[in-house]
Structures are given as structure tokens and as C-alpha cells.
């Protein structure tokens, strides 16, 4: 479950942050962004941000203000390519499933032909 939460938060950060620029975002903005799929507390977001930083997806610094605290987030190279990599993985998985279905169909037809010949 933690991995799914990390992916959702990282997807949110990739959509908000522009390339190599640093972006300010609050934990509440992140929670609001992923609230359609899951509910995250501020402490969970803190853990996820630390985990993403350790996995080399982002650099972040916590910044205090009178309105609460914000994350100063910058995507690392691995974070910048995350969306493209995830699309590529989905495409590869889809092609693998289609290839498997095609080969199973050909194998079935070939079996029927052999059964008809050697009956």
C-alpha cells in the first residue's frame, strides 16, 4: 500500500513541478491532489517525501511560514523521467499481454489442425 501512495504523490509532484525548477507546495495541496484515490495525513506525506528523496526522485527542503509549512521540491533526473517511464512500462505490459493472447490463439488453432489431421 505504501508503494501505491508513493506513486500517487510522485505523480502529483511531477505534474506540479516544471523540469529543473524548484516549486513550493504544501502538504495540504498534495493531500487534496491525491484525495480522489486515497486519503493521506500530513505525517504520511512527510514519510513519503523522505522516502522519495532517499530513492533519488526528488530533493526537498521544509520551509516554515506563518501559514504553515511548505515543501521546496525539485525533481531529480529520475523524477523528471518518471511519467514517461511509467507510460513505457504500461505500453510494454499491454504488448506482452497481446502477444501472449495471440500465441495462445495460434497454439489452439494449430492443435485443432493437428487433431483433425491425425484423427
PDB file of N, CA and C in Angstrom:
ATOM      1  N   UNK A   1       0.830  -1.201   0.000  1.00  0.00           N
ATOM      2  CA  UNK A   1       0.000   0.000   0.000  1.00  0.00           C
ATOM      3  C   UNK A   1       0.870   1.258   0.000  1.00  0.00           C
ATOM      4  N   UNK A   2       1.975   1.221   0.700  1.00  0.00           N
ATOM      5  CA  UNK A   2       2.865   2.376   0.775  1.00  0.00           C
ATOM      6  C   UNK A   2       3.419   2.729  -0.595  1.00  0.00           C
ATOM      7  N   UNK A   3       3.719   1.716  -1.406  1.00  0.00           N
ATOM      8  CA  UNK A   3       4.259   1.971  -2.737  1.00  0.00           C
ATOM      9  C   UNK A   3       3.237   2.694  -3.616  1.00  0.00           C
ATOM     10  N   UNK A   4       1.982   2.333  -3.490  1.00  0.00           N
ATOM     11  CA  UNK A   4       0.924   2.996  -4.260  1.00  0.00           C
ATOM     12  C   UNK A   4       0.815   4.462  -3.851  1.00  0.00           C
ATOM     13  N   UNK A   5       0.891   4.714  -2.564  1.00  0.00           N
ATOM     14  CA  UNK A   5       0.827   6.090  -2.074  1.00  0.00           C
ATOM     15  C   UNK A   5       2.010   6.896  -2.599  1.00  0.00           C
ATOM     16  N   UNK A   6       3.185   6.288  -2.608  1.00  0.00           N
ATOM     17  CA  UNK A   6       4.376   6.967  -3.114  1.00  0.00           C
ATOM     18  C   UNK A   6       4.213   7.306  -4.595  1.00  0.00           C
ATOM     19  N   UNK A   7       3.680   6.371  -5.365  1.00  0.00           N
ATOM     20  CA  UNK A   7       3.487   6.620  -6.796  1.00  0.00           C
ATOM     21  C   UNK A   7       2.508   7.767  -7.028  1.00  0.00           C
ATOM     22  N   UNK A   8       1.425   7.812  -6.246  1.00  0.00           N
ATOM     23  CA  UNK A   8       0.442   8.876  -6.408  1.00  0.00           C
ATOM     24  C   UNK A   8       1.024  10.241  -6.046  1.00  0.00           C
ATOM     25  N   UNK A   9       1.790  10.297  -4.953  1.00  0.00           N
ATOM     26  CA  UNK A   9       2.404  11.559  -4.545  1.00  0.00           C
ATOM     27  C   UNK A   9       3.447  11.981  -5.581  1.00  0.00           C
ATOM     28  N   UNK A  10       4.237  11.042  -6.065  1.00  0.00           N
ATOM     29  CA  UNK A  10       5.253  11.369  -7.063  1.00  0.00           C
ATOM     30  C   UNK A  10       4.609  11.850  -8.361  1.00  0.00           C
ATOM     31  N   UNK A  11       3.515  11.232  -8.762  1.00  0.00           N
ATOM     32  CA  UNK A  11       2.796  11.669  -9.962  1.00  0.00           C
ATOM     33  C   UNK A  11       2.291  13.107  -9.773  1.00  0.00           C
ATOM     34  N   UNK A  12       1.769  13.388  -8.591  1.00  0.00           N
ATOM     35  CA  UNK A  12       1.306  14.748  -8.274  1.00  0.00           C
ATOM     36  C   UNK A  12       2.458  15.741  -8.363  1.00  0.00           C
ATOM     37  N   UNK A  13       3.601  15.386  -7.795  1.00  0.00           N
ATOM     38  CA  UNK A  13       4.759  16.280  -7.821  1.00  0.00           C
ATOM     39  C   UNK A  13       5.274  16.482  -9.242  1.00  0.00           C
ATOM     40  N   UNK A  14       5.258  15.435 -10.057  1.00  0.00           N
ATOM     41  CA  UNK A  14       5.715  15.552 -11.447  1.00  0.00           C
ATOM     42  C   UNK A  14       4.802  16.472 -12.243  1.00  0.00           C
ATOM     43  N   UNK A  15       3.512  16.437 -11.954  1.00  0.00           N
ATOM     44  CA  UNK A  15       2.577  17.294 -12.668  1.00  0.00           C
ATOM     45  C   UNK A  15       2.714  18.751 -12.235  1.00  0.00           C
ATOM     46  N   UNK A  16       3.059  18.979 -10.967  1.00  0.00           N
ATOM     47  CA  UNK A  16       3.144  20.340 -10.438  1.00  0.00           C
ATOM     48  C   UNK A  16       4.484  20.992 -10.759  1.00  0.00           C
ATOM     49  N   UNK A  17       5.563  20.243 -10.622  1.00  0.00           N
ATOM     50  CA  UNK A  17       6.905  20.805 -10.798  1.00  0.00           C
ATOM     51  C   UNK A  17       7.272  20.859 -12.278  1.00  0.00           C
ATOM     52  N   UNK A  18       7.898  21.951 -12.679  1.00  0.00           N
ATOM     53  CA  UNK A  18       8.313  22.135 -14.066  1.00  0.00           C
ATOM     54  C   UNK A  18       9.800  21.838 -14.208  1.00  0.00           C
ATOM     55  N   UNK A  19      10.116  20.735 -14.824  1.00  0.00           N
ATOM     56  CA  UNK A  19      11.509  20.413 -15.149  1.00  0.00           C
ATOM     57  C   UNK A  19      12.481  20.588 -14.015  1.00  0.00           C
ATOM     58  N   UNK A  20      13.438  21.490 -14.194  1.00  0.00           N
ATOM     59  CA  UNK A  20      14.509  21.656 -13.215  1.00  0.00           C
ATOM     60  C   UNK A  20      14.238  22.787 -12.232  1.00  0.00           C
ATOM     61  N   UNK A  21      13.054  23.384 -12.296  1.00  0.00           N
ATOM     62  CA  UNK A  21      12.727  24.480 -11.394  1.00  0.00           C
ATOM     63  C   UNK A  21      12.291  23.957 -10.036  1.00  0.00           C
ATOM     64  N   UNK A  22      12.489  24.784  -9.014  1.00  0.00           N
ATOM     65  CA  UNK A  22      12.040  24.468  -7.660  1.00  0.00           C
ATOM     66  C   UNK A  22      10.623  24.994  -7.488  1.00  0.00           C
ATOM     67  N   UNK A  23       9.804  24.212  -6.794  1.00  0.00           N
ATOM     68  CA  UNK A  23       8.405  24.582  -6.631  1.00  0.00           C
ATOM     69  C   UNK A  23       8.012  24.467  -5.162  1.00  0.00           C
ATOM     70  N   UNK A  24       7.225  25.416  -4.667  1.00  0.00           N
ATOM     71  CA  UNK A  24       6.693  25.371  -3.310  1.00  0.00           C
ATOM     72  C   UNK A  24       5.325  24.705  -3.335  1.00  0.00           C
ATOM     73  N   UNK A  25       5.145  23.713  -2.479  1.00  0.00           N
ATOM     74  CA  UNK A  25       3.848  23.040  -2.382  1.00  0.00           C
ATOM     75  C   UNK A  25       3.621  22.654  -0.923  1.00  0.00           C
ATOM     76  N   UNK A  26       2.409  22.794  -0.468  1.00  0.00           N
ATOM     77  CA  UNK A  26       2.101  22.449   0.921  1.00  0.00           C
ATOM     78  C   UNK A  26       1.634  21.002   0.999  1.00  0.00           C
ATOM     79  N   UNK A  27       1.754  20.393   2.175  1.00  0.00           N
ATOM     80  CA  UNK A  27       1.257  19.021   2.336  1.00  0.00           C
ATOM     81  C   UNK A  27      -0.249  18.930   2.080  1.00  0.00           C
ATOM     82  N   UNK A  28      -0.971  20.004   2.388  1.00  0.00           N
ATOM     83  CA  UNK A  28      -2.414  20.001   2.166  1.00  0.00           C
ATOM     84  C   UNK A  28      -2.745  20.005   0.677  1.00  0.00           C
ATOM     85  N   UNK A  29      -1.934  20.685  -0.129  1.00  0.00           N
ATOM     86  CA  UNK A  29      -2.135  20.655  -1.581  1.00  0.00           C
ATOM     87  C   UNK A  29      -1.898  19.255  -2.138  1.00  0.00           C
ATOM     88  N   UNK A  30      -0.890  18.581  -1.621  1.00  0.00           N
ATOM     89  CA  UNK A  30      -0.613  17.207  -2.051  1.00  0.00           C
ATOM     90  C   UNK A  30      -1.764  16.296  -1.653  1.00  0.00           C
ATOM     91  N   UNK A  31      -2.231  16.435  -0.410  1.00  0.00           N
ATOM     92  CA  UNK A  31      -3.338  15.602   0.070  1.00  0.00           C
ATOM     93  C   UNK A  31      -4.599  15.849  -0.752  1.00  0.00           C
ATOM     94  N   UNK A  32      -4.844  17.095  -1.104  1.00  0.00           N
ATOM     95  CA  UNK A  32      -6.018  17.429  -1.909  1.00  0.00           C
ATOM     96  C   UNK A  32      -5.898  16.831  -3.306  1.00  0.00           C
ATOM     97  N   UNK A  33      -4.706  16.840  -3.853  1.00  0.00           N
ATOM     98  CA  UNK A  33      -4.478  16.326  -5.196  1.00  0.00           C
ATOM     99  C   UNK A  33      -4.715  14.819  -5.289  1.00  0.00           C
ATOM    100  N   UNK A  34      -4.325  14.080  -4.257  1.00  0.00           N
ATOM    101  CA  UNK A  34      -4.478  12.618  -4.299  1.00  0.00           C
ATOM    102  C   UNK A  34      -5.732  12.151  -3.579  1.00  0.00           C
ATOM    103  N   UNK A  35      -6.570  13.072  -3.111  1.00  0.00           N
ATOM    104  CA  UNK A  35      -7.724  12.701  -2.296  1.00  0.00           C
ATOM    105  C   UNK A  35      -8.773  11.908  -3.060  1.00  0.00           C
ATOM    106  N   UNK A  36      -8.771  11.970  -4.387  1.00  0.00           N
ATOM    107  CA  UNK A  36      -9.740  11.187  -5.162  1.00  0.00           C
ATOM    108  C   UNK A  36      -9.484   9.693  -5.031  1.00  0.00           C
ATOM    109  N   UNK A  37      -8.219   9.343  -4.860  1.00  0.00           N
ATOM    110  CA  UNK A  37      -7.857   7.924  -4.817  1.00  0.00           C
ATOM    111  C   UNK A  37      -7.616   7.409  -3.400  1.00  0.00           C
ATOM    112  N   UNK A  38      -6.912   8.180  -2.578  1.00  0.00           N
ATOM    113  CA  UNK A  38      -6.620   7.774  -1.201  1.00  0.00           C
ATOM    114  C   UNK A  38      -6.634   9.000  -0.294  1.00  0.00           C
ATOM    115  N   UNK A  39      -6.705   8.745   0.999  1.00  0.00           N
ATOM    116  CA  UNK A  39      -6.649   9.813   1.985  1.00  0.00           C
ATOM    117  C   UNK A  39      -5.308   9.720   2.692  1.00  0.00           C
ATOM    118  N   UNK A  40      -4.583  10.835   2.707  1.00  0.00           N
ATOM    119  CA  UNK A  40      -3.269  10.878   3.336  1.00  0.00           C
ATOM    120  C   UNK A  40      -3.254  11.902   4.454  1.00  0.00           C
ATOM    121  N   UNK A  41      -2.602  11.550   5.541  1.00  0.00           N
ATOM    122  CA  UNK A  41      -2.385  12.521   6.617  1.00  0.00           C
ATOM    123  C   UNK A  41      -1.075  13.253   6.346  1.00  0.00           C
ATOM    124  N   UNK A  42      -0.871  14.335   7.067  1.00  0.00           N
ATOM    125  CA  UNK A  42       0.348  15.134   6.886  1.00  0.00           C
ATOM    126  C   UNK A  42       1.570  14.317   7.287  1.00  0.00           C
ATOM    127  N   UNK A  43       1.454  13.510   8.324  1.00  0.00           N
ATOM    128  CA  UNK A  43       2.605  12.694   8.746  1.00  0.00           C
ATOM    129  C   UNK A  43       2.955  11.640   7.697  1.00  0.00           C
ATOM    130  N   UNK A  44       1.929  11.077   7.037  1.00  0.00           N
ATOM    131  CA  UNK A  44       2.196  10.119   5.965  1.00  0.00           C
ATOM    132  C   UNK A  44       2.895  10.800   4.791  1.00  0.00           C
ATOM    133  N   UNK A  45       2.471  12.009   4.492  1.00  0.00           N
ATOM    134  CA  UNK A  45       3.099  12.753   3.392  1.00  0.00           C
ATOM    135  C   UNK A  45       4.552  13.049   3.724  1.00  0.00           C
ATOM    136  N   UNK A  46       4.838  13.382   4.990  1.00  0.00           N
ATOM    137  CA  UNK A  46       6.225  13.606   5.409  1.00  0.00           C
ATOM    138  C   UNK A  46       7.074  12.364   5.185  1.00  0.00           C
ATOM    139  N   UNK A  47       6.538  11.201   5.562  1.00  0.00           N
ATOM    140  CA  UNK A  47       7.259   9.934   5.373  1.00  0.00           C
ATOM    141  C   UNK A  47       7.472   9.642   3.890  1.00  0.00           C
ATOM    142  N   UNK A  48       6.451   9.873   3.088  1.00  0.00           N
ATOM    143  CA  UNK A  48       6.540   9.604   1.653  1.00  0.00           C
ATOM    144  C   UNK A  48       7.568  10.525   1.002  1.00  0.00           C
ATOM    145  N   UNK A  49       7.566  11.794   1.387  1.00  0.00           N
ATOM    146  CA  UNK A  49       8.540  12.743   0.823  1.00  0.00           C
ATOM    147  C   UNK A  49       9.964  12.318   1.168  1.00  0.00           C
ATOM    148  N   UNK A  50      10.183  11.887   2.404  1.00  0.00           N
ATOM    149  CA  UNK A  50      11.503  11.405   2.803  1.00  0.00           C
ATOM    150  C   UNK A  50      11.889  10.167   2.006  1.00  0.00           C
ATOM    151  N   UNK A  51      10.938   9.260   1.835  1.00  0.00           N
ATOM    152  CA  UNK A  51      11.197   8.042   1.076  1.00  0.00           C
ATOM    153  C   UNK A  51      11.531   8.359  -0.384  1.00  0.00           C
ATOM    154  N   UNK A  52      10.788   9.280  -0.998  1.00  0.00           N
ATOM    155  CA  UNK A  52      11.063   9.655  -2.391  1.00  0.00           C
ATOM    156  C   UNK A  52      12.420  10.326  -2.521  1.00  0.00           C
ATOM    157  N   UNK A  53      12.800  11.066  -1.501  1.00  0.00           N
ATOM    158  CA  UNK A  53      14.120  11.696  -1.509  1.00  0.00           C
ATOM    159  C   UNK A  53      15.226  10.647  -1.415  1.00  0.00           C
ATOM    160  N   UNK A  54      15.022   9.647  -0.569  1.00  0.00           N
ATOM    161  CA  UNK A  54      16.017   8.577  -0.423  1.00  0.00           C
ATOM    162  C   UNK A  54      16.113   7.719  -1.689  1.00  0.00           C
ATOM    163  N   UNK A  55      15.011   7.608  -2.429  1.00  0.00           N
ATOM    164  CA  UNK A  55      15.006   6.828  -3.662  1.00  0.00           C
ATOM    165  C   UNK A  55      15.506   7.634  -4.858  1.00  0.00           C
ATOM    166  N   UNK A  56      15.955   8.865  -4.625  1.00  0.00           N
ATOM    167  CA  UNK A  56      16.552   9.721  -5.655  1.00  0.00           C
ATOM    168  C   UNK A  56      15.555  10.252  -6.680  1.00  0.00           C
ATOM    169  N   UNK A  57      14.298  10.444  -6.293  1.00  0.00           N
ATOM    170  CA  UNK A  57      13.322  11.036  -7.184  1.00  0.00           C
ATOM    171  C   UNK A  57      13.263  12.554  -7.020  1.00  0.00           C
ATOM    172  N   UNK A  58      13.404  13.022  -5.777  1.00  0.00           N
ATOM    173  CA  UNK A  58      13.248  14.451  -5.514  1.00  0.00           C
ATOM    174  C   UNK A  58      14.294  14.938  -4.522  1.00  0.00           C
ATOM    175  N   UNK A  59      14.507  16.249  -4.531  1.00  0.00           N
ATOM    176  CA  UNK A  59      15.200  16.953  -3.461  1.00  0.00           C
ATOM    177  C   UNK A  59      14.158  17.861  -2.843  1.00  0.00           C
ATOM    178  N   UNK A  60      14.088  17.899  -1.522  1.00  0.00           N
ATOM    179  CA  UNK A  60      13.128  18.799  -0.906  1.00  0.00           C
ATOM    180  C   UNK A  60      13.669  19.344   0.402  1.00  0.00           C
ATOM    181  N   UNK A  61      13.180  20.530   0.733  1.00  0.00           N
ATOM    182  CA  UNK A  61      13.509  21.197   1.984  1.00  0.00           C
ATOM    183  C   UNK A  61      12.188  21.683   2.567  1.00  0.00           C
ATOM    184  N   UNK A  62      12.028  21.556   3.872  1.00  0.00           N
ATOM    185  CA  UNK A  62      10.827  22.035   4.530  1.00  0.00           C
ATOM    186  C   UNK A  62      11.017  23.508   4.867  1.00  0.00           C
ATOM    187  N   UNK A  63      10.057  24.318   4.480  1.00  0.00           N
ATOM    188  CA  UNK A  63      10.120  25.757   4.689  1.00  0.00           C
ATOM    189  C   UNK A  63       8.941  26.184   5.563  1.00  0.00           C
ATOM    190  N   UNK A  64       9.228  26.868   6.662  1.00  0.00           N
ATOM    191  CA  UNK A  64       8.172  27.339   7.566  1.00  0.00           C
ATOM    192  C   UNK A  64       7.707  28.725   7.165  1.00  0.00           C
ATOM    193  N   UNK A  65       6.418  28.961   7.347  1.00  0.00           N
ATOM    194  CA  UNK A  65       5.870  30.301   7.155  1.00  0.00           C
ATOM    195  C   UNK A  65       4.742  30.480   8.159  1.00  0.00           C
ATOM    196  N   UNK A  66       4.150  31.659   8.185  1.00  0.00           N
ATOM    197  CA  UNK A  66       3.080  31.879   9.153  1.00  0.00           C
ATOM    198  C   UNK A  66       1.802  31.145   8.760  1.00  0.00           C
ATOM    199  N   UNK A  67       1.695  30.681   7.529  1.00  0.00           N
ATOM    200  CA  UNK A  67       0.527  29.927   7.071  1.00  0.00           C
ATOM    201  C   UNK A  67       0.725  28.415   7.180  1.00  0.00           C
ATOM    202  N   UNK A  68       1.742  27.976   7.865  1.00  0.00           N
ATOM    203  CA  UNK A  68       2.056  26.557   7.963  1.00  0.00           C
ATOM    204  C   UNK A  68       3.411  26.298   7.338  1.00  0.00           C
ATOM    205  N   UNK A  69       3.631  25.066   6.941  1.00  0.00           N
ATOM    206  CA  UNK A  69       4.911  24.791   6.294  1.00  0.00           C
ATOM    207  C   UNK A  69       4.697  24.265   4.882  1.00  0.00           C
ATOM    208  N   UNK A  70       5.719  24.477   4.069  1.00  0.00           N
ATOM    209  CA  UNK A  70       5.700  24.100   2.665  1.00  0.00           C
ATOM    210  C   UNK A  70       6.927  23.262   2.357  1.00  0.00           C
ATOM    211  N   UNK A  71       6.818  22.498   1.285  1.00  0.00           N
ATOM    212  CA  UNK A  71       7.969  21.777   0.770  1.00  0.00           C
ATOM    213  C   UNK A  71       8.522  22.561  -0.413  1.00  0.00           C
ATOM    214  N   UNK A  72       9.806  22.738  -0.410  1.00  0.00           N
ATOM    215  CA  UNK A  72      10.516  23.305  -1.556  1.00  0.00           C
ATOM    216  C   UNK A  72      11.017  22.093  -2.345  1.00  0.00           C
ATOM    217  N   UNK A  73      10.372  21.754  -3.444  1.00  0.00           N
ATOM    218  CA  UNK A  73      10.619  20.496  -4.149  1.00  0.00           C
ATOM    219  C   UNK A  73      11.294  20.753  -5.487  1.00  0.00           C
ATOM    220  N   UNK A  74      12.306  19.959  -5.771  1.00  0.00           N
ATOM    221  CA  UNK A  74      12.957  19.958  -7.070  1.00  0.00           C
ATOM    222  C   UNK A  74      13.083  18.505  -7.519  1.00  0.00           C
ATOM    223  N   UNK A  75      12.641  18.234  -8.735  1.00  0.00           N
ATOM    224  CA  UNK A  75      12.727  16.871  -9.264  1.00  0.00           C
ATOM    225  C   UNK A  75      14.154  16.568  -9.687  1.00  0.00           C
ATOM    226  N   UNK A  76      14.630  15.399  -9.309  1.00  0.00           N
ATOM    227  CA  UNK A  76      15.915  14.926  -9.813  1.00  0.00           C
ATOM    228  C   UNK A  76      15.674  14.284 -11.175  1.00  0.00           C
ATOM    229  N   UNK A  77      16.733  13.852 -11.822  1.00  0.00           N
ATOM    230  CA  UNK A  77      16.614  13.280 -13.174  1.00  0.00           C
ATOM    231  C   UNK A  77      15.657  12.085 -13.184  1.00  0.00           C
ATOM    232  N   UNK A  78      15.748  11.241 -12.174  1.00  0.00           N
ATOM    233  CA  UNK A  78      14.878  10.070 -12.083  1.00  0.00           C
ATOM    234  C   UNK A  78      13.418  10.498 -11.923  1.00  0.00           C
ATOM    235  N   UNK A  79      13.182  11.576 -11.208  1.00  0.00           N
ATOM    236  CA  UNK A  79      11.833  12.091 -11.027  1.00  0.00           C
ATOM    237  C   UNK A  79      11.288  12.757 -12.280  1.00  0.00           C
ATOM    238  N   UNK A  80      12.175  13.405 -13.038  1.00  0.00           N
ATOM    239  CA  UNK A  80      11.746  14.067 -14.270  1.00  0.00           C
ATOM    240  C   UNK A  80      11.289  13.067 -15.324  1.00  0.00           C
ATOM    241  N   UNK A  81      11.877  11.886 -15.333  1.00  0.00           N
ATOM    242  CA  UNK A  81      11.530  10.876 -16.334  1.00  0.00           C
ATOM    243  C   UNK A  81      10.490   9.877 -15.827  1.00  0.00           C
ATOM    244  N   UNK A  82       9.966  10.087 -14.622  1.00  0.00           N
ATOM    245  CA  UNK A  82       9.046   9.114 -14.023  1.00  0.00           C
ATOM    246  C   UNK A  82       7.784   8.904 -14.864  1.00  0.00           C
ATOM    247  N   UNK A  83       7.144   9.976 -15.295  1.00  0.00           N
ATOM    248  CA  UNK A  83       5.892   9.842 -16.060  1.00  0.00           C
ATOM    249  C   UNK A  83       6.118   9.113 -17.375  1.00  0.00           C
ATOM    250  N   UNK A  84       7.187   9.450 -18.078  1.00  0.00           N
ATOM    251  CA  UNK A  84       7.491   8.775 -19.345  1.00  0.00           C
ATOM    252  C   UNK A  84       7.827   7.302 -19.113  1.00  0.00           C
ATOM    253  N   UNK A  85       8.575   7.027 -18.045  1.00  0.00           N
ATOM    254  CA  UNK A  85       8.921   5.636 -17.736  1.00  0.00           C
ATOM    255  C   UNK A  85       7.691   4.811 -17.385  1.00  0.00           C
ATOM    256  N   UNK A  86       6.758   5.391 -16.629  1.00  0.00           N
ATOM    257  CA  UNK A  86       5.559   4.638 -16.257  1.00  0.00           C
ATOM    258  C   UNK A  86       4.679   4.383 -17.483  1.00  0.00           C
ATOM    259  N   UNK A  87       4.595   5.353 -18.410  1.00  0.00           N
ATOM    260  CA  UNK A  87       3.840   5.128 -19.649  1.00  0.00           C
ATOM    261  C   UNK A  87       4.480   4.019 -20.475  1.00  0.00           C
ATOM    262  N   UNK A  88       5.796   4.016 -20.545  1.00  0.00           N
ATOM    263  CA  UNK A  88       6.520   2.994 -21.298  1.00  0.00           C
ATOM    264  C   UNK A  88       6.282   1.616 -20.690  1.00  0.00           C
ATOM    265  N   UNK A  89       6.271   1.534 -19.358  1.00  0.00           N
ATOM    266  CA  UNK A  89       6.025   0.245 -18.701  1.00  0.00           C
ATOM    267  C   UNK A  89       4.626  -0.266 -19.001  1.00  0.00           C
ATOM    268  N   UNK A  90       3.623   0.619 -18.962  1.00  0.00           N
ATOM    269  CA  UNK A  90       2.246   0.210 -19.261  1.00  0.00           C
ATOM    270  C   UNK A  90       2.131  -0.276 -20.703  1.00  0.00           C
ATOM    271  N   UNK A  91       2.779   0.421 -21.622  1.00  0.00           N
ATOM    272  CA  UNK A  91       2.739   0.031 -23.030  1.00  0.00           C
ATOM    273  C   UNK A  91       3.394  -1.331 -23.223  1.00  0.00           C
ATOM    274  N   UNK A  92       4.537  -1.540 -22.586  1.00  0.00           N
ATOM    275  CA  UNK A  92       5.242  -2.820 -22.684  1.00  0.00           C
ATOM    276  C   UNK A  92       4.397  -3.956 -22.121  1.00  0.00           C
ATOM    277  N   UNK A  93       3.738  -3.709 -20.989  1.00  0.00           N
ATOM    278  CA  UNK A  93       2.888  -4.731 -20.385  1.00  0.00           C
ATOM    279  C   UNK A  93       1.709  -5.058 -21.297  1.00  0.00           C
ATOM    280  N   UNK A  94       1.104  -4.041 -21.886  1.00  0.00           N
ATOM    281  CA  UNK A  94      -0.007  -4.260 -22.811  1.00  0.00           C
ATOM    282  C   UNK A  94       0.408  -5.084 -24.018  1.00  0.00           C
ATOM    283  N   UNK A  95       1.573  -4.766 -24.578  1.00  0.00           N
ATOM    284  CA  UNK A  95       2.073  -5.530 -25.731  1.00  0.00           C
ATOM    285  C   UNK A  95       2.388  -6.972 -25.340  1.00  0.00           C
ATOM    286  N   UNK A  96       2.895  -7.175 -24.146  1.00  0.00           N
ATOM    287  CA  UNK A  96       3.186  -8.525 -23.667  1.00  0.00           C
ATOM    288  C   UNK A  96       1.905  -9.346 -23.523  1.00  0.00           C
ATOM    289  N   UNK A  97       0.852  -8.733 -22.998  1.00  0.00           N
ATOM    290  CA  UNK A  97      -0.436  -9.424 -22.856  1.00  0.00           C
ATOM    291  C   UNK A  97      -1.004  -9.762 -24.233  1.00  0.00           C
ATOM    292  N   UNK A  98      -0.961  -8.796 -25.153  1.00  0.00           N
ATOM    293  CA  UNK A  98      -1.475  -9.058 -26.504  1.00  0.00           C
ATOM    294  C   UNK A  98      -0.695 -10.165 -27.205  1.00  0.00           C
ATOM    295  N   UNK A  99       0.616 -10.155 -27.048  1.00  0.00           N
ATOM    296  CA  UNK A  99       1.439 -11.197 -27.656  1.00  0.00           C
ATOM    297  C   UNK A  99       1.102 -12.564 -27.072  1.00  0.00           C
ATOM    298  N   UNK A 100       0.897 -12.616 -25.767  1.00  0.00           N
ATOM    299  CA  UNK A 100       0.546 -13.887 -25.122  1.00  0.00           C
ATOM    300  C   UNK A 100      -0.799 -14.406 -25.616  1.00  0.00           C
ATOM    301  N   UNK A 101      -1.771 -13.514 -25.753  1.00  0.00           N
ATOM    302  CA  UNK A 101      -3.088 -13.924 -26.260  1.00  0.00           C
ATOM    303  C   UNK A 101      -2.970 -14.426 -27.699  1.00  0.00           C
ATOM    304  N   UNK A 102      -2.201 -13.719 -28.512  1.00  0.00           N
ATOM    305  CA  UNK A 102      -2.012 -14.136 -29.902  1.00  0.00           C
ATOM    306  C   UNK A 102      -1.358 -15.512 -29.979  1.00  0.00           C
ATOM    307  N   UNK A 103      -0.296 -15.715 -29.203  1.00  0.00           N
ATOM    308  CA  UNK A 103       0.392 -17.016 -29.235  1.00  0.00           C
ATOM    309  C   UNK A 103      -0.496 -18.138 -28.714  1.00  0.00           C
ATOM    310  N   UNK A 104      -1.309 -17.860 -27.697  1.00  0.00           N
ATOM    311  CA  UNK A 104      -2.234 -18.881 -27.197  1.00  0.00           C
ATOM    312  C   UNK A 104      -3.268 -19.233 -28.257  1.00  0.00           C
ATOM    313  N   UNK A 105      -3.756 -18.242 -28.982  1.00  0.00           N
ATOM    314  CA  UNK A 105      -4.741 -18.491 -30.051  1.00  0.00           C
ATOM    315  C   UNK A 105      -4.126 -19.312 -31.169  1.00  0.00           C
ATOM    316  N   UNK A 106      -2.928 -18.952 -31.605  1.00  0.00           N
ATOM    317  CA  UNK A 106      -2.246 -19.701 -32.661  1.00  0.00           C
ATOM    318  C   UNK A 106      -1.984 -21.131 -32.207  1.00  0.00           C
ATOM    319  N   UNK A 107      -1.574 -21.311 -30.991  1.00  0.00           N
ATOM    320  CA  UNK A 107      -1.326 -22.645 -30.452  1.00  0.00           C
ATOM    321  C   UNK A 107      -2.610 -23.472 -30.437  1.00  0.00           C
ATOM    322  N   UNK A 108      -3.724 -22.870 -30.054  1.00  0.00           N
ATOM    323  CA  UNK A 108      -5.009 -23.576 -30.033  1.00  0.00           C
ATOM    324  C   UNK A 108      -5.425 -24.006 -31.433  1.00  0.00           C
ATOM    325  N   UNK A 109      -5.322 -23.092 -32.391  1.00  0.00           N
ATOM    326  CA  UNK A 109      -5.687 -23.407 -33.778  1.00  0.00           C
ATOM    327  C   UNK A 109      -4.771 -24.492 -34.333  1.00  0.00           C
ATOM    328  N   UNK A 110      -3.501 -24.382 -34.068  1.00  0.00           N
ATOM    329  CA  UNK A 110      -2.543 -25.399 -34.520  1.00  0.00           C
ATOM    330  C   UNK A 110      -2.883 -26.758 -33.921  1.00  0.00           C
ATOM    331  N   UNK A 111      -3.270 -26.785 -32.649  1.00  0.00           N
ATOM    332  CA  UNK A 111      -3.681 -28.043 -32.012  1.00  0.00           C
ATOM    333  C   UNK A 111      -4.920 -28.634 -32.659  1.00  0.00           C
ATOM    334  N   UNK A 112      -5.896 -27.785 -33.006  1.00  0.00           N
ATOM    335  CA  UNK A 112      -7.099 -28.273 -33.691  1.00  0.00           C
ATOM    336  C   UNK A 112      -6.767 -28.850 -35.055  1.00  0.00           C
ATOM    337  N   UNK A 113      -5.870 -28.190 -35.783  1.00  0.00           N
ATOM    338  CA  UNK A 113      -5.464 -28.684 -37.101  1.00  0.00           C
ATOM    339  C   UNK A 113      -4.765 -30.037 -36.978  1.00  0.00           C
ATOM    340  N   UNK A 114      -3.852 -30.151 -36.018  1.00  0.00           N
ATOM    341  CA  UNK A 114      -3.163 -31.434 -35.830  1.00  0.00           C
ATOM    342  C   UNK A 114      -4.133 -32.535 -35.403  1.00  0.00           C
ATOM    343  N   UNK A 115      -5.088 -32.216 -34.572  1.00  0.00           N
ATOM    344  CA  UNK A 115      -6.069 -33.212 -34.139  1.00  0.00           C
ATOM    345  C   UNK A 115      -6.901 -33.671 -35.335  1.00  0.00           C
ATOM    346  N   UNK A 116      -7.282 -32.741 -36.214  1.00  0.00           N
ATOM    347  CA  UNK A 116      -8.081 -33.105 -37.407  1.00  0.00           C
ATOM    348  C   UNK A 116      -7.267 -33.960 -38.373  1.00  0.00           C
ATOM    349  N   UNK A 117      -5.957 -33.706 -38.496  1.00  0.00           N
ATOM    350  CA  UNK A 117      -5.111 -34.473 -39.416  1.00  0.00           C
ATOM    351  C   UNK A 117      -4.879 -35.879 -38.903  1.00  0.00           C
ATOM    352  N   UNK A 118      -4.610 -36.041 -37.626  1.00  0.00           N
ATOM    353  CA  UNK A 118      -4.235 -37.352 -37.081  1.00  0.00           C
ATOM    354  C   UNK A 118      -5.384 -38.105 -36.427  1.00  0.00           C
ATOM    355  N   UNK A 119      -6.597 -37.750 -36.720  1.00  0.00           N
ATOM    356  CA  UNK A 119      -7.747 -38.412 -36.131  1.00  0.00           C
ATOM    357  C   UNK A 119      -8.033 -39.721 -36.778  1.00  0.00           C
TER     358      UNK A 119
END
